[in-house]
N, C-alpha and C. Protein backbone atom coordinates (compact mmCIF):
# COMPACT_ATOMS: atom_id res chain seq x y z
N MET A 1 112.57 104.26 121.50
CA MET A 1 111.62 103.47 121.17
C MET A 1 111.26 104.02 119.39
N ALA A 2 111.44 105.11 119.41
CA ALA A 2 110.83 105.78 117.99
C ALA A 2 111.67 105.42 117.13
N LYS A 3 112.84 105.22 117.52
CA LYS A 3 113.92 104.51 116.14
C LYS A 3 113.56 103.07 115.80
N GLU A 4 113.08 102.36 116.89
CA GLU A 4 112.58 101.04 116.58
C GLU A 4 111.68 100.75 115.51
N LYS A 5 110.65 102.16 116.05
CA LYS A 5 109.29 101.78 114.87
C LYS A 5 109.95 102.30 113.71
N ARG A 6 110.66 103.44 113.59
CA ARG A 6 111.13 103.56 112.30
C ARG A 6 111.63 102.50 111.38
N ASP A 7 112.56 101.77 112.09
CA ASP A 7 113.14 100.74 111.63
C ASP A 7 112.19 99.57 110.91
N LYS A 8 111.17 99.45 111.95
CA LYS A 8 110.29 98.34 111.37
C LYS A 8 109.73 98.74 110.26
N ARG A 9 109.00 100.08 110.07
CA ARG A 9 108.54 100.56 109.02
C ARG A 9 109.06 100.64 107.58
N ALA A 10 110.57 100.98 107.86
CA ALA A 10 111.54 100.62 106.67
C ALA A 10 111.44 99.17 106.01
N LYS A 11 111.44 98.11 107.15
CA LYS A 11 111.65 96.90 106.69
C LYS A 11 110.51 96.37 106.10
N ASN A 12 109.35 96.92 106.56
CA ASN A 12 107.98 96.63 105.91
C ASN A 12 107.46 97.38 104.71
N LEU A 13 108.57 97.60 104.18
CA LEU A 13 108.14 98.22 102.78
C LEU A 13 107.79 97.37 101.97
N ASN A 14 106.75 97.50 101.12
CA ASN A 14 106.36 96.36 99.98
C ASN A 14 107.16 96.68 98.87
N SER A 15 107.00 95.79 98.18
CA SER A 15 107.98 95.71 96.50
C SER A 15 107.83 97.08 96.09
N THR A 16 106.46 97.44 96.02
CA THR A 16 106.58 98.61 94.97
C THR A 16 107.16 99.82 95.53
N GLN A 17 106.79 100.10 96.78
CA GLN A 17 107.65 101.16 97.52
C GLN A 17 109.21 100.79 97.16
N GLU A 18 109.59 99.83 97.73
CA GLU A 18 111.15 99.45 97.58
C GLU A 18 111.47 99.68 96.27
N VAL A 19 110.78 99.42 95.01
CA VAL A 19 111.41 99.88 93.56
C VAL A 19 111.33 101.29 93.59
N LEU A 20 110.44 101.92 93.62
CA LEU A 20 110.32 103.26 93.70
C LEU A 20 111.29 104.34 94.41
N TYR A 21 111.79 103.45 95.74
CA TYR A 21 112.77 104.28 96.48
C TYR A 21 114.08 104.25 96.02
N GLN A 22 114.14 102.87 95.50
CA GLN A 22 115.53 102.49 94.58
C GLN A 22 115.87 103.51 93.45
N LYS A 23 114.52 103.55 92.26
CA LYS A 23 114.80 104.34 91.28
C LYS A 23 114.69 105.83 91.81
N GLU A 24 114.20 106.48 92.74
CA GLU A 24 114.54 107.88 93.18
C GLU A 24 115.83 107.92 93.73
N PHE A 25 116.27 107.09 94.61
CA PHE A 25 117.70 107.17 95.09
C PHE A 25 118.78 107.43 93.93
N LYS A 26 118.25 106.23 92.85
CA LYS A 26 119.44 106.45 91.89
C LYS A 26 119.60 107.68 91.23
N MET A 27 118.41 108.03 90.75
CA MET A 27 118.00 109.54 89.94
C MET A 27 119.00 110.34 90.93
N ALA A 28 118.82 110.61 92.31
CA ALA A 28 119.58 111.48 93.16
C ALA A 28 120.68 111.40 93.13
N ASP A 29 121.15 110.09 92.94
CA ASP A 29 122.79 109.77 92.81
C ASP A 29 123.37 110.18 91.66
N GLN A 30 122.67 109.99 90.88
CA GLN A 30 123.11 110.38 89.58
C GLN A 30 123.35 111.99 89.26
N ALA A 31 122.19 112.51 89.60
CA ALA A 31 122.37 113.92 89.25
C ALA A 31 123.31 114.41 90.40
N TYR A 32 123.40 114.06 91.45
CA TYR A 32 124.72 114.32 92.52
C TYR A 32 125.93 114.49 92.07
N ASN A 33 126.10 113.18 91.20
CA ASN A 33 127.20 113.13 90.60
C ASN A 33 127.73 113.97 89.01
N GLN A 34 126.45 114.12 88.53
CA GLN A 34 126.77 115.00 87.61
C GLN A 34 127.10 116.36 87.90
N PHE A 35 126.53 116.74 89.12
CA PHE A 35 126.56 118.33 89.53
C PHE A 35 128.38 118.43 90.12
N THR A 36 128.86 117.12 90.90
CA THR A 36 129.87 117.27 91.40
C THR A 36 131.04 117.32 90.42
N LYS A 37 130.57 116.33 89.44
CA LYS A 37 131.85 116.45 88.30
C LYS A 37 131.99 117.97 87.59
N LYS A 38 130.80 118.67 87.44
CA LYS A 38 130.76 119.71 86.92
C LYS A 38 131.43 120.60 87.68
N GLU A 39 131.20 120.80 88.92
CA GLU A 39 132.22 121.77 89.92
C GLU A 39 133.53 121.48 89.98
N ASN A 40 134.21 120.02 90.11
CA ASN A 40 135.61 119.67 89.83
C ASN A 40 136.12 120.32 88.80
N ARG A 41 135.76 120.57 87.37
CA ARG A 41 136.05 121.13 86.45
C ARG A 41 136.51 122.60 86.34
N SER A 42 135.25 122.95 86.74
CA SER A 42 135.80 124.71 87.02
C SER A 42 136.67 125.39 88.13
């Protein structure tokens, strides 16, 4: 039941929250990619 509530909440994000979430994810993804590229060089 707890999982169902979480899924409903995720589906009910408004457009502003959706955009902020995507921006945050994109920034984190870029930072991760930069970090892993640096790690692979050494």
